[in-house]
PDB file of all heavy atoms in Angstrom:
ATOM      1  N   GLU A   1       0.739  -9.641  -5.578  1.00  0.00           N
ATOM      2  CA  GLU A   1      -0.061  -8.734  -6.279  1.00  0.00           C
ATOM      3  C   GLU A   1      -1.271  -8.343  -5.495  1.00  0.00           C
ATOM      4  O   GLU A   1      -1.645  -7.069  -5.493  1.00  0.00           O
ATOM      5  CB  GLU A   1      -0.563  -9.490  -7.649  1.00  0.00           C
ATOM      6  CG  GLU A   1      -1.356  -8.684  -8.501  1.00  0.00           C
ATOM      7  CD  GLU A   1      -0.696  -7.519  -9.142  1.00  0.00           C
ATOM      8  OE1 GLU A   1       0.561  -7.656  -9.408  1.00  0.00           O
ATOM      9  OE2 GLU A   1      -1.360  -6.475  -9.484  1.00  0.00           O
ATOM     10  N   ARG A   2      -1.866  -9.323  -4.811  1.00  0.00           N
ATOM     11  CA  ARG A   2      -3.035  -8.838  -3.922  1.00  0.00           C
ATOM     12  C   ARG A   2      -2.668  -7.919  -2.828  1.00  0.00           C
ATOM     13  O   ARG A   2      -3.341  -7.067  -2.547  1.00  0.00           O
ATOM     14  CB  ARG A   2      -3.758 -10.170  -3.377  1.00  0.00           C
ATOM     15  CG  ARG A   2      -4.440 -10.973  -4.394  1.00  0.00           C
ATOM     16  CD  ARG A   2      -5.353 -11.931  -3.775  1.00  0.00           C
ATOM     17  NE  ARG A   2      -4.751 -12.910  -2.886  1.00  0.00           N
ATOM     18  CZ  ARG A   2      -4.189 -14.115  -3.218  1.00  0.00           C
ATOM     19  NH1 ARG A   2      -4.389 -14.363  -4.463  1.00  0.00           N
ATOM     20  NH2 ARG A   2      -3.601 -14.841  -2.282  1.00  0.00           N
ATOM     21  N   ARG A   3      -1.408  -8.178  -2.237  1.00  0.00           N
ATOM     22  CA  ARG A   3      -0.963  -7.370  -1.222  1.00  0.00           C
ATOM     23  C   ARG A   3      -0.771  -5.953  -1.685  1.00  0.00           C
ATOM     24  O   ARG A   3      -1.070  -4.861  -0.958  1.00  0.00           O
ATOM     25  CB  ARG A   3       0.309  -7.899  -0.634  1.00  0.00           C
ATOM     26  CG  ARG A   3       0.902  -6.972   0.579  1.00  0.00           C
ATOM     27  CD  ARG A   3       2.044  -7.552   1.071  1.00  0.00           C
ATOM     28  NE  ARG A   3       2.664  -6.849   2.220  1.00  0.00           N
ATOM     29  CZ  ARG A   3       3.350  -5.711   2.237  1.00  0.00           C
ATOM     30  NH1 ARG A   3       3.754  -5.312   0.959  1.00  0.00           N
ATOM     31  NH2 ARG A   3       3.827  -5.036   3.261  1.00  0.00           N
ATOM     32  N   TYR A   4      -0.224  -5.696  -2.883  1.00  0.00           N
ATOM     33  CA  TYR A   4      -0.054  -4.536  -3.441  1.00  0.00           C
ATOM     34  C   TYR A   4      -1.339  -3.785  -3.609  1.00  0.00           C
ATOM     35  O   TYR A   4      -1.418  -2.579  -3.257  1.00  0.00           O
ATOM     36  CB  TYR A   4       0.769  -4.534  -4.790  1.00  0.00           C
ATOM     37  CG  TYR A   4       0.715  -3.358  -5.677  1.00  0.00           C
ATOM     38  CD1 TYR A   4       1.398  -2.103  -5.233  1.00  0.00           C
ATOM     39  CD2 TYR A   4      -0.135  -3.227  -6.731  1.00  0.00           C
ATOM     40  CE1 TYR A   4       1.241  -0.955  -6.020  1.00  0.00           C
ATOM     41  CE2 TYR A   4      -0.241  -2.111  -7.494  1.00  0.00           C
ATOM     42  CZ  TYR A   4       0.551  -1.023  -7.139  1.00  0.00           C
ATOM     43  OH  TYR A   4       0.290   0.060  -7.825  1.00  0.00           O
ATOM     44  N   GLU A   5      -2.267  -4.450  -4.112  1.00  0.00           N
ATOM     45  CA  GLU A   5      -3.604  -3.762  -4.366  1.00  0.00           C
ATOM     46  C   GLU A   5      -4.194  -3.289  -2.961  1.00  0.00           C
ATOM     47  O   GLU A   5      -4.683  -2.184  -2.949  1.00  0.00           O
ATOM     48  CB  GLU A   5      -4.520  -4.743  -5.059  1.00  0.00           C
ATOM     49  CG  GLU A   5      -4.249  -5.056  -6.390  1.00  0.00           C
ATOM     50  CD  GLU A   5      -4.291  -3.877  -7.366  1.00  0.00           C
ATOM     51  OE1 GLU A   5      -4.905  -3.021  -7.084  1.00  0.00           O
ATOM     52  OE2 GLU A   5      -3.649  -3.922  -8.391  1.00  0.00           O
ATOM     53  N   VAL A   6      -4.094  -4.134  -1.992  1.00  0.00           N
ATOM     54  CA  VAL A   6      -4.523  -3.702  -0.636  1.00  0.00           C
ATOM     55  C   VAL A   6      -3.718  -2.600  -0.077  1.00  0.00           C
ATOM     56  O   VAL A   6      -4.304  -1.603   0.453  1.00  0.00           O
ATOM     57  CB  VAL A   6      -4.514  -4.907   0.378  1.00  0.00           C
ATOM     58  CG1 VAL A   6      -4.749  -4.413   1.836  1.00  0.00           C
ATOM     59  CG2 VAL A   6      -5.472  -6.056  -0.073  1.00  0.00           C
ATOM     60  N   ALA A   7      -2.424  -2.615  -0.205  1.00  0.00           N
ATOM     61  CA  ALA A   7      -1.555  -1.491   0.310  1.00  0.00           C
ATOM     62  C   ALA A   7      -1.811  -0.250  -0.457  1.00  0.00           C
ATOM     63  O   ALA A   7      -1.808   0.876   0.130  1.00  0.00           O
ATOM     64  CB  ALA A   7      -0.105  -1.921   0.074  1.00  0.00           C
ATOM     65  N   ARG A   8      -2.114  -0.373  -1.740  1.00  0.00           N
ATOM     66  CA  ARG A   8      -2.454   0.862  -2.419  1.00  0.00           C
ATOM     67  C   ARG A   8      -3.747   1.410  -2.040  1.00  0.00           C
ATOM     68  O   ARG A   8      -3.961   2.773  -1.972  1.00  0.00           O
ATOM     69  CB  ARG A   8      -2.449   0.573  -3.974  1.00  0.00           C
ATOM     70  CG  ARG A   8      -2.675   1.793  -4.820  1.00  0.00           C
ATOM     71  CD  ARG A   8      -2.450   1.294  -6.341  1.00  0.00           C
ATOM     72  NE  ARG A   8      -2.451   2.446  -7.333  1.00  0.00           N
ATOM     73  CZ  ARG A   8      -3.662   2.962  -7.866  1.00  0.00           C
ATOM     74  NH1 ARG A   8      -4.782   2.492  -7.368  1.00  0.00           N
ATOM     75  NH2 ARG A   8      -3.518   4.024  -8.546  1.00  0.00           N
ATOM     76  N   ARG A   9      -4.707   0.513  -1.887  1.00  0.00           N
ATOM     77  CA  ARG A   9      -6.066   1.039  -1.490  1.00  0.00           C
ATOM     78  C   ARG A   9      -6.009   1.682  -0.058  1.00  0.00           C
ATOM     79  O   ARG A   9      -6.638   2.743   0.134  1.00  0.00           O
ATOM     80  CB  ARG A   9      -7.133  -0.139  -1.509  1.00  0.00           C
ATOM     81  CG  ARG A   9      -8.536   0.307  -1.160  1.00  0.00           C
ATOM     82  CD  ARG A   9      -9.454  -0.858  -1.663  1.00  0.00           C
ATOM     83  NE  ARG A   9      -9.209  -2.031  -0.821  1.00  0.00           N
ATOM     84  CZ  ARG A   9      -8.649  -3.082  -1.393  1.00  0.00           C
ATOM     85  NH1 ARG A   9      -8.455  -3.176  -2.799  1.00  0.00           N
ATOM     86  NH2 ARG A   9      -8.424  -4.269  -0.703  1.00  0.00           N
ATOM     87  N   LEU A  10      -5.245   1.064   0.861  1.00  0.00           N
ATOM     88  CA  LEU A  10      -5.078   1.585   2.148  1.00  0.00           C
ATOM     89  C   LEU A  10      -4.371   2.902   2.202  1.00  0.00           C
ATOM     90  O   LEU A  10      -4.698   3.910   2.932  1.00  0.00           O
ATOM     91  CB  LEU A  10      -4.392   0.610   3.162  1.00  0.00           C
ATOM     92  CG  LEU A  10      -5.049  -0.774   3.344  1.00  0.00           C
ATOM     93  CD1 LEU A  10      -4.221  -1.659   4.178  1.00  0.00           C
ATOM     94  CD2 LEU A  10      -6.329  -0.387   4.264  1.00  0.00           C
ATOM     95  N   TYR A  11      -3.474   3.071   1.310  1.00  0.00           N
ATOM     96  CA  TYR A  11      -2.695   4.362   1.337  1.00  0.00           C
ATOM     97  C   TYR A  11      -3.548   5.420   0.758  1.00  0.00           C
ATOM     98  O   TYR A  11      -3.641   6.540   1.284  1.00  0.00           O
ATOM     99  CB  TYR A  11      -1.452   4.273   0.311  1.00  0.00           C
ATOM    100  CG  TYR A  11      -0.682   5.678   0.175  1.00  0.00           C
ATOM    101  CD1 TYR A  11       0.062   6.000   1.322  1.00  0.00           C
ATOM    102  CD2 TYR A  11      -0.809   6.331  -0.847  1.00  0.00           C
ATOM    103  CE1 TYR A  11       0.741   7.192   1.159  1.00  0.00           C
ATOM    104  CE2 TYR A  11      -0.187   7.550  -0.947  1.00  0.00           C
ATOM    105  CZ  TYR A  11       0.512   7.909   0.078  1.00  0.00           C
ATOM    106  OH  TYR A  11       1.273   9.153   0.009  1.00  0.00           O
ATOM    107  N   VAL A  12      -4.481   5.140  -0.297  1.00  0.00           N
ATOM    108  CA  VAL A  12      -5.313   6.223  -0.803  1.00  0.00           C
ATOM    109  C   VAL A  12      -6.336   6.488   0.273  1.00  0.00           C
ATOM    110  O   VAL A  12      -6.866   7.661   0.319  1.00  0.00           O
ATOM    111  CB  VAL A  12      -6.112   5.543  -2.105  1.00  0.00           C
ATOM    112  CG1 VAL A  12      -7.255   6.523  -2.457  1.00  0.00           C
ATOM    113  CG2 VAL A  12      -5.129   5.399  -3.124  1.00  0.00           C
ATOM    114  N   MET A  13      -6.691   5.587   1.007  1.00  0.00           N
ATOM    115  CA  MET A  13      -7.727   5.868   2.169  1.00  0.00           C
ATOM    116  C   MET A  13      -7.072   6.547   3.331  1.00  0.00           C
ATOM    117  O   MET A  13      -7.702   6.954   4.351  1.00  0.00           O
ATOM    118  CB  MET A  13      -8.392   4.643   2.582  1.00  0.00           C
ATOM    119  CG  MET A  13      -9.315   3.933   1.565  1.00  0.00           C
ATOM    120  SD  MET A  13      -9.841   2.254   2.091  1.00  0.00           S
ATOM    121  CE  MET A  13     -10.629   2.683   3.561  1.00  0.00           C
ATOM    122  N   GLY A  14      -5.729   6.654   3.301  1.00  0.00           N
ATOM    123  CA  GLY A  14      -5.060   7.362   4.410  1.00  0.00           C
ATOM    124  C   GLY A  14      -4.704   6.491   5.565  1.00  0.00           C
ATOM    125  O   GLY A  14      -4.381   6.969   6.674  1.00  0.00           O
ATOM    126  N   LYS A  15      -4.891   5.087   5.399  1.00  0.00           N
ATOM    127  CA  LYS A  15      -4.733   4.208   6.470  1.00  0.00           C
ATOM    128  C   LYS A  15      -3.320   3.425   6.447  1.00  0.00           C
ATOM    129  O   LYS A  15      -3.202   2.484   7.209  1.00  0.00           O
ATOM    130  CB  LYS A  15      -5.793   3.237   6.520  1.00  0.00           C
ATOM    131  CG  LYS A  15      -7.179   3.687   6.780  1.00  0.00           C
ATOM    132  CD  LYS A  15      -8.398   2.672   6.722  1.00  0.00           C
ATOM    133  CE  LYS A  15      -9.690   3.285   6.862  1.00  0.00           C
ATOM    134  NZ  LYS A  15     -10.738   2.198   6.917  1.00  0.00           N
ATOM    135  N   SER A  16      -2.544   3.896   5.560  1.00  0.00           N
ATOM    136  CA  SER A  16      -1.255   3.288   5.546  1.00  0.00           C
ATOM    137  C   SER A  16      -0.117   4.378   5.108  1.00  0.00           C
ATOM    138  O   SER A  16      -0.483   5.504   4.574  1.00  0.00           O
ATOM    139  CB  SER A  16      -1.199   2.160   4.478  1.00  0.00           C
ATOM    140  OG  SER A  16       0.119   1.550   4.179  1.00  0.00           O
ATOM    141  N   THR A  17       1.149   4.059   5.375  1.00  0.00           N
ATOM    142  CA  THR A  17       2.166   4.932   5.072  1.00  0.00           C
ATOM    143  C   THR A  17       2.814   4.684   3.682  1.00  0.00           C
ATOM    144  O   THR A  17       2.562   3.624   3.160  1.00  0.00           O
ATOM    145  CB  THR A  17       3.251   4.880   6.101  1.00  0.00           C
ATOM    146  OG1 THR A  17       3.932   3.608   6.017  1.00  0.00           O
ATOM    147  CG2 THR A  17       2.719   5.067   7.468  1.00  0.00           C
ATOM    148  N   ILE A  18       3.554   5.593   3.248  1.00  0.00           N
ATOM    149  CA  ILE A  18       4.299   5.448   1.977  1.00  0.00           C
ATOM    150  C   ILE A  18       5.344   4.371   1.959  1.00  0.00           C
ATOM    151  O   ILE A  18       5.618   3.636   1.062  1.00  0.00           O
ATOM    152  CB  ILE A  18       4.923   6.880   1.531  1.00  0.00           C
ATOM    153  CG1 ILE A  18       5.627   6.707   0.233  1.00  0.00           C
ATOM    154  CG2 ILE A  18       6.095   7.255   2.530  1.00  0.00           C
ATOM    155  CD1 ILE A  18       4.501   6.623  -0.933  1.00  0.00           C
ATOM    156  N   LEU A  19       5.810   4.113   3.190  1.00  0.00           N
ATOM    157  CA  LEU A  19       6.879   3.027   3.309  1.00  0.00           C
ATOM    158  C   LEU A  19       6.166   1.715   3.161  1.00  0.00           C
ATOM    159  O   LEU A  19       6.840   0.760   2.460  1.00  0.00           O
ATOM    160  CB  LEU A  19       7.423   3.101   4.735  1.00  0.00           C
ATOM    161  CG  LEU A  19       8.420   4.281   5.038  1.00  0.00           C
ATOM    162  CD1 LEU A  19       8.874   4.168   6.539  1.00  0.00           C
ATOM    163  CD2 LEU A  19       9.550   4.345   4.071  1.00  0.00           C
ATOM    164  N   ASP A  20       4.987   1.508   3.587  1.00  0.00           N
ATOM    165  CA  ASP A  20       4.282   0.286   3.380  1.00  0.00           C
ATOM    166  C   ASP A  20       3.960   0.109   1.935  1.00  0.00           C
ATOM    167  O   ASP A  20       4.086  -0.988   1.373  1.00  0.00           O
ATOM    168  CB  ASP A  20       2.895   0.245   4.250  1.00  0.00           C
ATOM    169  CG  ASP A  20       3.110   0.136   5.715  1.00  0.00           C
ATOM    170  OD1 ASP A  20       4.328  -0.406   6.142  1.00  0.00           O
ATOM    171  OD2 ASP A  20       2.346   0.625   6.475  1.00  0.00           O
ATOM    172  N   LEU A  21       3.612   1.151   1.334  1.00  0.00           N
ATOM    173  CA  LEU A  21       3.277   1.154  -0.136  1.00  0.00           C
ATOM    174  C   LEU A  21       4.549   0.729  -1.003  1.00  0.00           C
ATOM    175  O   LEU A  21       4.505  -0.097  -1.793  1.00  0.00           O
ATOM    176  CB  LEU A  21       2.691   2.569  -0.687  1.00  0.00           C
ATOM    177  CG  LEU A  21       2.322   2.485  -2.120  1.00  0.00           C
ATOM    178  CD1 LEU A  21       1.390   1.409  -2.451  1.00  0.00           C
ATOM    179  CD2 LEU A  21       1.844   3.874  -2.516  1.00  0.00           C
ATOM    180  N   ASN A  22       5.580   1.450  -0.656  1.00  0.00           N
ATOM    181  CA  ASN A  22       6.878   1.126  -1.373  1.00  0.00           C
ATOM    182  C   ASN A  22       7.248  -0.322  -1.240  1.00  0.00           C
ATOM    183  O   ASN A  22       7.759  -1.069  -2.060  1.00  0.00           O
ATOM    184  CB  ASN A  22       8.023   1.953  -0.922  1.00  0.00           C
ATOM    185  CG  ASN A  22       7.769   3.515  -1.479  1.00  0.00           C
ATOM    186  OD1 ASN A  22       7.117   3.608  -2.458  1.00  0.00           O
ATOM    187  ND2 ASN A  22       8.406   4.436  -0.908  1.00  0.00           N
ATOM    188  N   SER A  23       7.123  -0.822   0.093  1.00  0.00           N
ATOM    189  CA  SER A  23       7.560  -2.223   0.367  1.00  0.00           C
ATOM    190  C   SER A  23       6.516  -3.121  -0.480  1.00  0.00           C
ATOM    191  O   SER A  23       7.141  -4.171  -0.963  1.00  0.00           O
ATOM    192  CB  SER A  23       7.312  -2.553   1.841  1.00  0.00           C
ATOM    193  OG  SER A  23       7.509  -3.885   2.131  1.00  0.00           O
ATOM    194  N   ALA A  24       5.259  -2.874  -0.594  1.00  0.00           N
ATOM    195  CA  ALA A  24       4.368  -3.690  -1.396  1.00  0.00           C
ATOM    196  C   ALA A  24       4.759  -3.696  -2.836  1.00  0.00           C
ATOM    197  O   ALA A  24       4.630  -4.813  -3.425  1.00  0.00           O
ATOM    198  CB  ALA A  24       2.935  -3.232  -1.169  1.00  0.00           C
ATOM    199  N   ILE A  25       5.067  -2.504  -3.472  1.00  0.00           N
ATOM    200  CA  ILE A  25       5.505  -2.506  -4.697  1.00  0.00           C
ATOM    201  C   ILE A  25       6.722  -3.355  -5.018  1.00  0.00           C
ATOM    202  O   ILE A  25       6.799  -4.043  -5.986  1.00  0.00           O
ATOM    203  CB  ILE A  25       5.705  -0.960  -5.235  1.00  0.00           C
ATOM    204  CG1 ILE A  25       4.541  -0.216  -5.145  1.00  0.00           C
ATOM    205  CG2 ILE A  25       6.414  -0.823  -6.513  1.00  0.00           C
ATOM    206  CD1 ILE A  25       4.675   1.381  -5.382  1.00  0.00           C
ATOM    207  N   SER A  26       7.770  -3.254  -4.166  1.00  0.00           N
ATOM    208  CA  SER A  26       8.960  -3.919  -4.314  1.00  0.00           C
ATOM    209  C   SER A  26       8.787  -5.362  -4.217  1.00  0.00           C
ATOM    210  O   SER A  26       9.293  -6.144  -4.946  1.00  0.00           O
ATOM    211  CB  SER A  26       9.979  -3.466  -3.105  1.00  0.00           C
ATOM    212  OG  SER A  26      11.143  -4.300  -3.264  1.00  0.00           O
TER     213      SER A  26
END
């Protein structure tokens, strides 16, 4: 859950890719 929040925040900031976000959601 914490990793997902971090991945989502990083994606919004433009510091992560959609693949990382999808992986965190899964």
